[in-house]
Amino acid sequence: MTVREVLYMYNIARQAYNQFLSVCGSPEKAQNAVPLLVWLDQGTISAIHHVPAMVPDAVAVVEEEAKVVLECLRHQKPALPPIPIISALYMQGGVHIEPGFFTFHQDLVVRGVTHFLDGAGKFVFDDRLHVLLRRSETGLIVNPPELMAPYTSQPVAVSEDCHSMFITFSKGNALHREEIFEYLAYTSQSID
């Protein structure tokens, strides 16, 4: 796979990035919202393709909701506030996203967002590469080496500290043994 093919594959993510950028005015805000939506779009439901056509007020709300989700994950807050617009985007495809979903799958979300940012996201957010792509599509330049370079996804390195788990149990929200084993089996983790 080449860099050009990655840019084509993530064309909708780039369009969403441009929409976030035009509404929010900040590359940082846009670069926070897009990876979360890309990660959520791994299944059969795609919500990110709605973003380029959304009205500016709705785009701003989606950016704010994504920021809240990422902040809560970063600070390991157990509960997230409601995210009505992001949830509504996925409900159109029959998927209901509860705020607790992100808390329960925190490790997967963080790993997925990081994987995108360290991999394809570098190209999706690179304005210079997109200018080269447009010029090559119009025939102004032919096969620039930057676009023809091979792309290999680098695995996300997980520090040793991330391999351990501490489980606590609340009297008010008890977990059953089966739920714990299902979670560990789902995430391919093990307890030593």
C-alpha atoms as a PDB file:
ATOM      1  CA  MET A   1       0.000   0.000   0.000  1.00  0.00           C
ATOM      2  CA  THR A   2       1.274   3.468  -0.861  1.00  0.00           C
ATOM      3  CA  VAL A   3       0.775   6.806   0.864  1.00  0.00           C
ATOM      4  CA  ARG A   4      -1.511   7.780  -2.043  1.00  0.00           C
ATOM      5  CA  GLU A   5      -3.735   4.768  -1.348  1.00  0.00           C
ATOM      6  CA  VAL A   6      -3.900   5.662   2.342  1.00  0.00           C
ATOM      7  CA  LEU A   7      -5.001   9.193   1.429  1.00  0.00           C
ATOM      8  CA  TYR A   8      -7.726   7.783  -0.826  1.00  0.00           C
ATOM      9  CA  MET A   9      -8.812   5.270   1.811  1.00  0.00           C
ATOM     10  CA  TYR A  10      -9.202   8.015   4.416  1.00  0.00           C
ATOM     11  CA  ASN A  11     -10.709  10.589   2.052  1.00  0.00           C
ATOM     12  CA  ILE A  12     -13.880  10.907   4.174  1.00  0.00           C
ATOM     13  CA  ALA A  13     -11.771  11.389   7.315  1.00  0.00           C
ATOM     14  CA  ARG A  14      -9.960  14.232   5.548  1.00  0.00           C
ATOM     15  CA  GLN A  15     -13.266  15.803   4.498  1.00  0.00           C
ATOM     16  CA  ALA A  16     -14.477  15.577   8.103  1.00  0.00           C
ATOM     17  CA  TYR A  17     -11.175  17.092   9.274  1.00  0.00           C
ATOM     18  CA  ASN A  18     -11.647  20.020   6.871  1.00  0.00           C
ATOM     19  CA  GLN A  19     -15.197  20.551   8.157  1.00  0.00           C
ATOM     20  CA  PHE A  20     -14.068  20.480  11.802  1.00  0.00           C
ATOM     21  CA  LEU A  21     -11.227  22.849  10.914  1.00  0.00           C
ATOM     22  CA  SER A  22     -13.526  25.319   9.167  1.00  0.00           C
ATOM     23  CA  VAL A  23     -16.012  25.324  12.058  1.00  0.00           C
ATOM     24  CA  CYS A  24     -13.675  25.091  15.057  1.00  0.00           C
ATOM     25  CA  GLY A  25     -10.738  26.991  13.550  1.00  0.00           C
ATOM     26  CA  SER A  26      -8.173  24.831  15.307  1.00  0.00           C
ATOM     27  CA  PRO A  27      -6.197  21.905  13.864  1.00  0.00           C
ATOM     28  CA  GLU A  28      -5.817  20.495  17.382  1.00  0.00           C
ATOM     29  CA  LYS A  29      -9.582  20.335  17.908  1.00  0.00           C
ATOM     30  CA  ALA A  30     -10.117  18.759  14.503  1.00  0.00           C
ATOM     31  CA  GLN A  31      -7.303  16.266  15.116  1.00  0.00           C
ATOM     32  CA  ASN A  32      -8.968  15.199  18.363  1.00  0.00           C
ATOM     33  CA  ALA A  33     -12.426  14.608  16.919  1.00  0.00           C
ATOM     34  CA  VAL A  34     -11.517  12.753  13.718  1.00  0.00           C
ATOM     35  CA  PRO A  35      -9.529   9.852  15.264  1.00  0.00           C
ATOM     36  CA  LEU A  36     -12.328   9.049  17.699  1.00  0.00           C
ATOM     37  CA  LEU A  37     -14.881   8.932  14.875  1.00  0.00           C
ATOM     38  CA  VAL A  38     -12.506   6.866  12.719  1.00  0.00           C
ATOM     39  CA  TRP A  39     -12.111   4.387  15.573  1.00  0.00           C
ATOM     40  CA  LEU A  40     -15.872   4.189  16.063  1.00  0.00           C
ATOM     41  CA  ASP A  41     -16.339   3.575  12.333  1.00  0.00           C
ATOM     42  CA  GLN A  42     -14.489   0.257  12.414  1.00  0.00           C
ATOM     43  CA  GLY A  43     -17.736  -1.671  12.259  1.00  0.00           C
ATOM     44  CA  THR A  44     -20.373  -1.639   9.583  1.00  0.00           C
ATOM     45  CA  ILE A  45     -21.792   1.728  10.651  1.00  0.00           C
ATOM     46  CA  SER A  46     -20.097   4.871   9.359  1.00  0.00           C
ATOM     47  CA  ALA A  47     -20.969   8.153  11.021  1.00  0.00           C
ATOM     48  CA  ILE A  48     -17.923  10.153   9.982  1.00  0.00           C
ATOM     49  CA  HIS A  49     -19.272  10.460   6.440  1.00  0.00           C
ATOM     50  CA  HIS A  50     -22.120  12.633   7.823  1.00  0.00           C
ATOM     51  CA  VAL A  51     -19.736  15.265   9.216  1.00  0.00           C
ATOM     52  CA  PRO A  52     -18.810  17.059   5.953  1.00  0.00           C
ATOM     53  CA  ALA A  53     -22.494  17.816   5.268  1.00  0.00           C
ATOM     54  CA  MET A  54     -23.473  18.765   8.827  1.00  0.00           C
ATOM     55  CA  VAL A  55     -24.446  22.293   9.785  1.00  0.00           C
ATOM     56  CA  PRO A  56     -21.704  24.181  11.654  1.00  0.00           C
ATOM     57  CA  ASP A  57     -23.523  24.157  15.007  1.00  0.00           C
ATOM     58  CA  ALA A  58     -23.808  20.354  14.927  1.00  0.00           C
ATOM     59  CA  VAL A  59     -20.146  19.996  13.906  1.00  0.00           C
ATOM     60  CA  ALA A  60     -19.134  22.138  16.889  1.00  0.00           C
ATOM     61  CA  VAL A  61     -21.196  19.929  19.213  1.00  0.00           C
ATOM     62  CA  VAL A  62     -19.620  16.743  17.797  1.00  0.00           C
ATOM     63  CA  GLU A  63     -16.156  18.244  18.346  1.00  0.00           C
ATOM     64  CA  GLU A  64     -17.073  19.161  21.923  1.00  0.00           C
ATOM     65  CA  GLU A  65     -18.497  15.693  22.605  1.00  0.00           C
ATOM     66  CA  ALA A  66     -15.370  14.024  21.210  1.00  0.00           C
ATOM     67  CA  LYS A  67     -13.209  16.303  23.354  1.00  0.00           C
ATOM     68  CA  VAL A  68     -15.190  15.359  26.466  1.00  0.00           C
ATOM     69  CA  VAL A  69     -14.873  11.636  25.687  1.00  0.00           C
ATOM     70  CA  LEU A  70     -11.105  11.899  25.175  1.00  0.00           C
ATOM     71  CA  GLU A  71     -10.626  14.049  28.290  1.00  0.00           C
ATOM     72  CA  CYS A  72     -12.590  11.589  30.418  1.00  0.00           C
ATOM     73  CA  LEU A  73     -10.521   8.713  29.048  1.00  0.00           C
ATOM     74  CA  ARG A  74      -7.289  10.625  29.572  1.00  0.00           C
ATOM     75  CA  HIS A  75      -8.150  11.334  33.207  1.00  0.00           C
ATOM     76  CA  GLN A  76      -9.780   7.917  33.694  1.00  0.00           C
ATOM     77  CA  LYS A  77     -13.108   9.327  34.839  1.00  0.00           C
ATOM     78  CA  PRO A  78     -15.575   6.514  35.455  1.00  0.00           C
ATOM     79  CA  ALA A  79     -18.602   8.312  34.000  1.00  0.00           C
ATOM     80  CA  LEU A  80     -19.022  10.349  30.857  1.00  0.00           C
ATOM     81  CA  PRO A  81     -21.660  12.974  30.262  1.00  0.00           C
ATOM     82  CA  PRO A  82     -24.216  12.272  27.529  1.00  0.00           C
ATOM     83  CA  ILE A  83     -23.029  12.552  23.922  1.00  0.00           C
ATOM     84  CA  PRO A  84     -26.309  13.041  22.056  1.00  0.00           C
ATOM     85  CA  ILE A  85     -25.031  13.991  18.585  1.00  0.00           C
ATOM     86  CA  ILE A  86     -22.390  11.250  18.324  1.00  0.00           C
ATOM     87  CA  SER A  87     -24.946   8.758  19.653  1.00  0.00           C
ATOM     88  CA  ALA A  88     -27.544   9.975  17.136  1.00  0.00           C
ATOM     89  CA  LEU A  89     -25.103   9.546  14.243  1.00  0.00           C
ATOM     90  CA  TYR A  90     -24.653   5.883  15.119  1.00  0.00           C
ATOM     91  CA  MET A  91     -28.321   5.285  15.977  1.00  0.00           C
ATOM     92  CA  GLN A  92     -29.113   5.928  12.304  1.00  0.00           C
ATOM     93  CA  GLY A  93     -27.320   2.647  11.643  1.00  0.00           C
ATOM     94  CA  GLY A  94     -29.050   0.867  14.503  1.00  0.00           C
ATOM     95  CA  VAL A  95     -26.170   1.163  16.971  1.00  0.00           C
ATOM     96  CA  HIS A  96     -26.804   2.760  20.357  1.00  0.00           C
ATOM     97  CA  ILE A  97     -23.700   4.145  22.049  1.00  0.00           C
ATOM     98  CA  GLU A  98     -23.975   4.635  25.778  1.00  0.00           C
ATOM     99  CA  PRO A  99     -21.417   6.879  27.500  1.00  0.00           C
ATOM    100  CA  GLY A 100     -20.381   3.853  29.584  1.00  0.00           C
ATOM    101  CA  PHE A 101     -19.229   2.165  26.369  1.00  0.00           C
ATOM    102  CA  PHE A 102     -16.103   4.329  26.289  1.00  0.00           C
ATOM    103  CA  THR A 103     -15.298   3.664  29.933  1.00  0.00           C
ATOM    104  CA  PHE A 104     -15.742  -0.087  29.529  1.00  0.00           C
ATOM    105  CA  HIS A 105     -13.618  -0.163  26.363  1.00  0.00           C
ATOM    106  CA  GLN A 106     -11.136   2.510  27.448  1.00  0.00           C
ATOM    107  CA  ASP A 107      -8.055   0.493  26.563  1.00  0.00           C
ATOM    108  CA  LEU A 108      -9.368  -0.301  23.080  1.00  0.00           C
ATOM    109  CA  VAL A 109     -10.387   3.297  22.410  1.00  0.00           C
ATOM    110  CA  VAL A 110      -7.043   4.710  23.535  1.00  0.00           C
ATOM    111  CA  ARG A 111      -5.108   2.104  21.558  1.00  0.00           C
ATOM    112  CA  GLY A 112      -7.254   2.633  18.440  1.00  0.00           C
ATOM    113  CA  VAL A 113      -7.049   6.431  18.525  1.00  0.00           C
ATOM    114  CA  THR A 114      -3.295   6.269  19.133  1.00  0.00           C
ATOM    115  CA  HIS A 115      -2.852   3.764  16.303  1.00  0.00           C
ATOM    116  CA  PHE A 116      -4.648   6.105  13.894  1.00  0.00           C
ATOM    117  CA  LEU A 117      -2.709   9.178  15.045  1.00  0.00           C
ATOM    118  CA  ASP A 118       0.643   7.380  14.788  1.00  0.00           C
ATOM    119  CA  GLY A 119      -0.219   5.786  11.448  1.00  0.00           C
ATOM    120  CA  ALA A 120      -2.662   6.972   8.805  1.00  0.00           C
ATOM    121  CA  GLY A 121      -3.523  10.109  10.780  1.00  0.00           C
ATOM    122  CA  LYS A 122      -0.090  11.539  10.013  1.00  0.00           C
ATOM    123  CA  PHE A 123      -1.075  11.537   6.346  1.00  0.00           C
ATOM    124  CA  VAL A 124      -4.724  12.511   6.789  1.00  0.00           C
ATOM    125  CA  PHE A 125      -3.695  15.672   8.653  1.00  0.00           C
ATOM    126  CA  ASP A 126      -0.742  16.554   6.387  1.00  0.00           C
ATOM    127  CA  ASP A 127      -1.801  19.528   4.236  1.00  0.00           C
ATOM    128  CA  ARG A 128       1.314  19.286   2.062  1.00  0.00           C
ATOM    129  CA  LEU A 129       0.516  15.697   1.048  1.00  0.00           C
ATOM    130  CA  HIS A 130      -3.021  16.678   0.115  1.00  0.00           C
ATOM    131  CA  VAL A 131      -1.733  19.519  -2.071  1.00  0.00           C
ATOM    132  CA  LEU A 132       0.575  17.017  -3.805  1.00  0.00           C
ATOM    133  CA  LEU A 133      -2.334  14.624  -4.247  1.00  0.00           C
ATOM    134  CA  ARG A 134      -4.516  17.306  -5.860  1.00  0.00           C
ATOM    135  CA  ARG A 135      -1.672  18.370  -8.163  1.00  0.00           C
ATOM    136  CA  SER A 136      -0.991  14.790  -9.217  1.00  0.00           C
ATOM    137  CA  GLU A 137      -4.698  14.209  -9.896  1.00  0.00           C
ATOM    138  CA  THR A 138      -4.813  17.241 -12.190  1.00  0.00           C
ATOM    139  CA  GLY A 139      -1.633  16.203 -13.989  1.00  0.00           C
ATOM    140  CA  LEU A 140       0.461  19.143 -12.777  1.00  0.00           C
ATOM    141  CA  ILE A 141       2.976  16.684 -11.336  1.00  0.00           C
ATOM    142  CA  VAL A 142       3.407  12.997 -12.077  1.00  0.00           C
ATOM    143  CA  ASN A 143       3.763  10.420  -9.303  1.00  0.00           C
ATOM    144  CA  PRO A 144       5.550  12.441  -6.621  1.00  0.00           C
ATOM    145  CA  PRO A 145       7.805  10.185  -4.535  1.00  0.00           C
ATOM    146  CA  GLU A 146       6.066  11.241  -1.314  1.00  0.00           C
ATOM    147  CA  LEU A 147       2.784   9.763  -2.574  1.00  0.00           C
ATOM    148  CA  MET A 148       4.365   6.663  -4.088  1.00  0.00           C
ATOM    149  CA  ALA A 149       6.253   5.782  -0.891  1.00  0.00           C
ATOM    150  CA  PRO A 150       5.160   2.517   0.713  1.00  0.00           C
ATOM    151  CA  TYR A 151       3.010   2.762   3.815  1.00  0.00           C
ATOM    152  CA  THR A 152       3.413   0.287   6.608  1.00  0.00           C
ATOM    153  CA  SER A 153       1.371   0.520   9.739  1.00  0.00           C
ATOM    154  CA  GLN A 154       3.530   0.592  12.812  1.00  0.00           C
ATOM    155  CA  PRO A 155       2.156  -1.307  15.803  1.00  0.00           C
ATOM    156  CA  VAL A 156       1.395   0.854  18.802  1.00  0.00           C
ATOM    157  CA  ALA A 157       3.923   0.204  21.529  1.00  0.00           C
ATOM    158  CA  VAL A 158       2.286  -0.458  24.871  1.00  0.00           C
ATOM    159  CA  SER A 159       4.438   0.380  27.844  1.00  0.00           C
ATOM    160  CA  GLU A 160       5.008  -2.275  30.480  1.00  0.00           C
ATOM    161  CA  ASP A 161       2.881  -0.292  32.934  1.00  0.00           C
ATOM    162  CA  CYS A 162      -0.137  -0.768  30.678  1.00  0.00           C
ATOM    163  CA  HIS A 163       0.060  -4.543  30.950  1.00  0.00           C
ATOM    164  CA  SER A 164      -1.146  -4.686  34.531  1.00  0.00           C
ATOM    165  CA  MET A 165      -4.666  -4.328  35.785  1.00  0.00           C
ATOM    166  CA  PHE A 166      -6.091  -3.431  39.154  1.00  0.00           C
ATOM    167  CA  ILE A 167      -9.702  -4.393  39.692  1.00  0.00           C
ATOM    168  CA  THR A 168     -11.882  -2.943  42.430  1.00  0.00           C
ATOM    169  CA  PHE A 169     -15.451  -3.827  43.192  1.00  0.00           C
ATOM    170  CA  SER A 170     -18.136  -1.453  44.314  1.00  0.00           C
ATOM    171  CA  LYS A 171     -20.860  -2.635  46.658  1.00  0.00           C
ATOM    172  CA  GLY A 172     -23.388  -0.627  44.686  1.00  0.00           C
ATOM    173  CA  ASN A 173     -22.308  -1.875  41.261  1.00  0.00           C
ATOM    174  CA  ALA A 174     -21.064  -5.412  41.732  1.00  0.00           C
ATOM    175  CA  LEU A 175     -19.589  -7.361  38.826  1.00  0.00           C
ATOM    176  CA  HIS A 176     -20.094 -11.070  38.427  1.00  0.00           C
ATOM    177  CA  ARG A 177     -17.168 -13.396  37.887  1.00  0.00           C
ATOM    178  CA  GLU A 178     -18.438 -14.265  34.386  1.00  0.00           C
ATOM    179  CA  GLU A 179     -18.511 -10.588  33.364  1.00  0.00           C
ATOM    180  CA  ILE A 180     -14.868 -10.177  34.369  1.00  0.00           C
ATOM    181  CA  PHE A 181     -13.766 -13.270  32.457  1.00  0.00           C
ATOM    182  CA  GLU A 182     -15.803 -12.233  29.403  1.00  0.00           C
ATOM    183  CA  TYR A 183     -14.140  -8.823  29.442  1.00  0.00           C
ATOM    184  CA  LEU A 184     -10.659 -10.311  29.774  1.00  0.00           C
ATOM    185  CA  ALA A 185     -11.343 -12.844  27.041  1.00  0.00           C
ATOM    186  CA  TYR A 186     -12.689 -10.074  24.788  1.00  0.00           C
ATOM    187  CA  THR A 187      -9.613  -7.887  25.241  1.00  0.00           C
ATOM    188  CA  SER A 188      -7.165 -10.820  25.178  1.00  0.00           C
ATOM    189  CA  GLN A 189      -5.744  -9.807  28.523  1.00  0.00           C
ATOM    190  CA  SER A 190      -4.659 -12.198  31.250  1.00  0.00           C
ATOM    191  CA  ILE A 191      -4.325 -11.995  34.999  1.00  0.00           C
ATOM    192  CA  ASP A 192      -1.062 -13.140  36.522  1.00  0.00           C
END
